[in-house]
C-alpha atoms as a PDB file:
ATOM      1  CA  MET A   1      11.974   2.906 -14.375  1.00  0.00           C
ATOM      2  CA  LYS A   2       8.932   2.492 -12.149  1.00  0.00           C
ATOM      3  CA  LYS A   3       8.286   5.045  -9.445  1.00  0.00           C
ATOM      4  CA  LEU A   4       8.263   3.674  -5.897  1.00  0.00           C
ATOM      5  CA  LEU A   5       6.024   4.952  -3.114  1.00  0.00           C
ATOM      6  CA  THR A   6       6.932   4.369   0.513  1.00  0.00           C
ATOM      7  CA  PHE A   7       4.488   2.884   2.996  1.00  0.00           C
ATOM      8  CA  LYS A   8       4.547   6.300   4.670  1.00  0.00           C
ATOM      9  CA  ASP A   9       3.584   7.976   1.356  1.00  0.00           C
ATOM     10  CA  LEU A  10       0.629   5.627   1.009  1.00  0.00           C
ATOM     11  CA  ALA A  11      -0.436   6.209   4.605  1.00  0.00           C
ATOM     12  CA  GLU A  12      -0.587   9.936   3.898  1.00  0.00           C
ATOM     13  CA  LEU A  13      -2.419   9.470   0.581  1.00  0.00           C
ATOM     14  CA  PHE A  14      -5.054   7.174   2.103  1.00  0.00           C
ATOM     15  CA  GLN A  15      -5.105   9.030   5.440  1.00  0.00           C
ATOM     16  CA  LYS A  16      -4.351   5.797   7.291  1.00  0.00           C
ATOM     17  CA  HIS A  17      -1.806   4.770   9.898  1.00  0.00           C
ATOM     18  CA  ASP A  18       1.481   3.268   8.687  1.00  0.00           C
ATOM     19  CA  ASN A  19       0.522  -0.019  10.365  1.00  0.00           C
ATOM     20  CA  THR A  20      -2.621  -0.226   8.221  1.00  0.00           C
ATOM     21  CA  ILE A  21      -0.540   0.010   5.057  1.00  0.00           C
ATOM     22  CA  TYR A  22       1.816  -2.646   6.407  1.00  0.00           C
ATOM     23  CA  ARG A  23      -1.170  -4.922   7.115  1.00  0.00           C
ATOM     24  CA  TRP A  24      -2.454  -4.389   3.559  1.00  0.00           C
ATOM     25  CA  PHE A  25       1.006  -5.473   2.381  1.00  0.00           C
ATOM     26  CA  LYS A  26       1.595  -8.389   4.776  1.00  0.00           C
ATOM     27  CA  VAL A  27      -1.838  -9.863   5.517  1.00  0.00           C
ATOM     28  CA  ASP A  28      -4.146  -8.736   2.718  1.00  0.00           C
ATOM     29  CA  ARG A  29      -1.404  -8.848   0.047  1.00  0.00           C
ATOM     30  CA  LEU A  30      -2.845  -5.860  -1.802  1.00  0.00           C
ATOM     31  CA  PHE A  31       0.559  -4.891  -3.190  1.00  0.00           C
ATOM     32  CA  PRO A  32       1.943  -7.961  -5.004  1.00  0.00           C
ATOM     33  CA  ASP A  33       5.193  -6.303  -6.112  1.00  0.00           C
ATOM     34  CA  ALA A  34       5.875  -4.376  -2.889  1.00  0.00           C
ATOM     35  CA  PHE A  35       8.921  -5.121  -0.782  1.00  0.00           C
ATOM     36  CA  ARG A  36      10.331  -4.297   2.640  1.00  0.00           C
ATOM     37  CA  VAL A  37      13.775  -3.081   3.508  1.00  0.00           C
ATOM     38  CA  LYS A  38      15.406  -2.228   6.816  1.00  0.00           C
ATOM     39  CA  ASP A  39      13.930   1.274   7.052  1.00  0.00           C
ATOM     40  CA  GLY A  40      10.444   0.666   5.596  1.00  0.00           C
ATOM     41  CA  GLY A  41       8.555  -0.639   2.628  1.00  0.00           C
ATOM     42  CA  TYR A  42       8.133   0.343  -0.991  1.00  0.00           C
ATOM     43  CA  VAL A  43       5.235  -0.087  -3.393  1.00  0.00           C
ATOM     44  CA  PRO A  44       5.646   0.279  -7.168  1.00  0.00           C
ATOM     45  CA  GLU A  45       3.310   2.884  -8.624  1.00  0.00           C
ATOM     46  CA  PRO A  46       1.478   0.308 -10.825  1.00  0.00           C
ATOM     47  CA  ASP A  47       0.439  -1.609  -7.660  1.00  0.00           C
ATOM     48  CA  PHE A  48      -0.906   1.617  -6.177  1.00  0.00           C
ATOM     49  CA  ARG A  49      -2.784   2.482  -9.389  1.00  0.00           C
ATOM     50  CA  ARG A  50      -4.232  -1.037  -9.669  1.00  0.00           C
ATOM     51  CA  LEU A  51      -5.450  -0.843  -6.082  1.00  0.00           C
ATOM     52  CA  THR A  52      -7.216   2.483  -6.557  1.00  0.00           C
ATOM     53  CA  ARG A  53      -8.587   1.572  -9.996  1.00  0.00           C
ATOM     54  CA  ASN A  54     -10.142  -1.674  -8.736  1.00  0.00           C
ATOM     55  CA  GLY A  55     -11.701   0.054  -5.743  1.00  0.00           C
ATOM     56  CA  ARG A  56     -10.141  -2.534  -3.445  1.00  0.00           C
ATOM     57  CA  VAL A  57      -9.136   0.148  -0.985  1.00  0.00           C
ATOM     58  CA  HIS A  58     -12.762   0.571  -0.027  1.00  0.00           C
ATOM     59  CA  ALA A  59     -13.129  -3.105   0.873  1.00  0.00           C
ATOM     60  CA  ALA A  60      -9.949  -3.103   2.944  1.00  0.00           C
ATOM     61  CA  ASP A  61     -10.860   0.267   4.410  1.00  0.00           C
ATOM     62  CA  GLN A  62     -13.923  -1.102   6.187  1.00  0.00           C
ATOM     63  CA  ARG A  63     -11.752  -3.214   8.489  1.00  0.00           C
ATOM     64  CA  THR A  64      -9.806  -0.262   9.874  1.00  0.00           C
END
């Protein structure tokens, strides 16, 4: 089973606001397999790893 990270977990890891992570999910579509539920959002660990491996965080980071 894949591990899921919350949007809040990612915000802490990247030292960004929760809204930034939500924007990466909603607008930039950086997490293709992520999903939202009533109390927040979840990102599968492979999406997180792909994002950090490709260095795409740095490109998105410049907009914040």
